[in-house]
Amino acid sequence: MPVSASDVILKIVSLFLVFMAVLAMFGRLRMPRIGLSRSKGKCAACGRPRIGRGPCPCGKGGRA
């Protein structure tokens, strides 16, 4: 039984959509952060994300 090109394309598109749905489900999973609050890495004064342990570049000394 010969398979037409449209059947193959339909199967490829279907598998791609299923694969993308599975990736979206894994992307929604969040690992719980034990002992860390959500505002830990943001400046209390300006709300910028801070990288490292130094003071915020805004100069207001806002440490979370």
Foldseek 3Di string as FASTA:
>chain_A
DDDDPVVVVVVVVVVVVVVVVVVVVVVPDDDDDPPDDPCQQAFPPPGHGHDDDDADPVPPRRHD
